[in-house]
């Protein structure tokens, strides 16, 4: 985040949802809730933009969840910035 030149505050989605799904009560479906986008949409409605931080260790454009986050931001009228 520091190298992006952007100023926070930041909400880091990777830390927001429990993703391994090895605990039955913490499935992604249950965390997301009945509304499309669930807590992600709730947070994005309060945000000015979504910052996608690209690193050499992972191609975010090959990860469906990352693309879903960007699509949700665009659908909510939020700017998507790539850093």
Protein backbone atom coordinates (compact mmCIF):
# COMPACT_ATOMS: atom_id res chain seq x y z
CA UNK A 1 0.00 0.00 0.00
CA UNK A 2 2.81 2.40 0.81
CA UNK A 3 4.28 2.06 -2.69
CA UNK A 4 0.91 2.93 -4.28
CA UNK A 5 1.19 6.57 -3.31
CA UNK A 6 -2.45 6.47 -2.16
CA UNK A 7 -3.50 7.80 1.22
CA UNK A 8 -5.78 5.80 3.54
CA UNK A 9 -7.70 4.87 5.39
CA UNK A 10 -7.81 1.45 3.72
CA UNK A 11 -10.09 -1.53 4.22
CA UNK A 12 -8.19 -4.70 3.25
CA UNK A 13 -10.65 -7.23 1.85
CA UNK A 14 -8.20 -10.14 2.17
CA UNK A 15 -8.45 -9.75 5.93
CA UNK A 16 -12.23 -9.30 6.05
CA UNK A 17 -13.67 -12.68 5.08
CA UNK A 18 -12.62 -16.08 6.37
CA UNK A 19 -11.85 -17.91 3.13
CA UNK A 20 -10.58 -21.47 3.89
CA UNK A 21 -14.15 -22.73 4.53
CA UNK A 22 -12.89 -25.43 6.91
CA UNK A 23 -15.29 -24.29 9.64
CA UNK A 24 -18.92 -25.00 8.62
CA UNK A 25 -20.31 -21.89 10.34
CA UNK A 26 -17.89 -19.60 8.45
CA UNK A 27 -18.65 -20.50 4.81
CA UNK A 28 -18.32 -17.68 2.30
CA UNK A 29 -22.00 -18.10 1.38
CA UNK A 30 -23.03 -17.55 4.99
CA UNK A 31 -20.66 -14.58 5.43
CA UNK A 32 -21.85 -12.94 2.21
CA UNK A 33 -25.51 -13.06 3.21
CA UNK A 34 -28.57 -12.93 0.96
CA UNK A 35 -27.66 -9.63 -0.75
CA UNK A 36 -25.32 -9.86 -3.74
CA UNK A 37 -21.90 -8.68 -2.64
CA UNK A 38 -22.72 -8.88 1.07
CA UNK A 39 -20.23 -7.01 3.28
CA UNK A 40 -18.10 -6.12 0.26
CA UNK A 41 -20.98 -4.10 -1.25
CA UNK A 42 -21.68 -2.50 2.13
CA UNK A 43 -18.09 -1.31 2.45
CA UNK A 44 -17.83 -0.17 -1.18
CA UNK A 45 -20.94 1.98 -0.78
CA UNK A 46 -18.98 3.95 1.85
CA UNK A 47 -15.78 4.15 -0.22
CA UNK A 48 -14.62 6.67 -2.79
CA UNK A 49 -12.63 4.09 -4.76
CA UNK A 50 -11.33 0.54 -4.86
CA UNK A 51 -7.54 0.26 -4.95
CA UNK A 52 -6.23 -2.92 -6.57
CA UNK A 53 -2.63 -3.49 -5.52
CA UNK A 54 -0.76 -5.56 -8.12
CA UNK A 55 2.24 -7.56 -6.88
CA UNK A 56 4.64 -9.94 -8.63
CA UNK A 57 3.50 -12.84 -6.45
CA UNK A 58 -0.07 -13.06 -7.79
CA UNK A 59 -1.93 -12.04 -10.92
CA UNK A 60 -5.11 -10.52 -9.46
CA UNK A 61 -6.70 -10.53 -12.92
CA UNK A 62 -6.67 -14.34 -12.89
CA UNK A 63 -8.54 -14.52 -9.56
CA UNK A 64 -12.31 -14.58 -9.91
CA UNK A 65 -12.91 -13.00 -6.51
CA UNK A 66 -10.69 -10.01 -7.35
CA UNK A 67 -12.55 -9.50 -10.62
CA UNK A 68 -15.86 -9.74 -8.73
CA UNK A 69 -14.68 -7.03 -6.32
CA UNK A 70 -13.75 -4.75 -9.22
CA UNK A 71 -17.06 -5.43 -11.00
CA UNK A 72 -19.00 -4.69 -7.82
CA UNK A 73 -17.14 -1.40 -7.39
CA UNK A 74 -17.90 -0.36 -10.98
CA UNK A 75 -21.58 -1.33 -10.59
CA UNK A 76 -21.75 0.86 -7.48
CA UNK A 77 -20.20 3.78 -9.37
CA UNK A 78 -16.86 3.65 -7.57
CA UNK A 79 -13.56 4.36 -9.27
CA UNK A 80 -11.20 1.38 -9.58
CA UNK A 81 -7.53 2.34 -9.27
CA UNK A 82 -4.66 -0.01 -10.11
CA UNK A 83 -1.42 0.41 -8.17
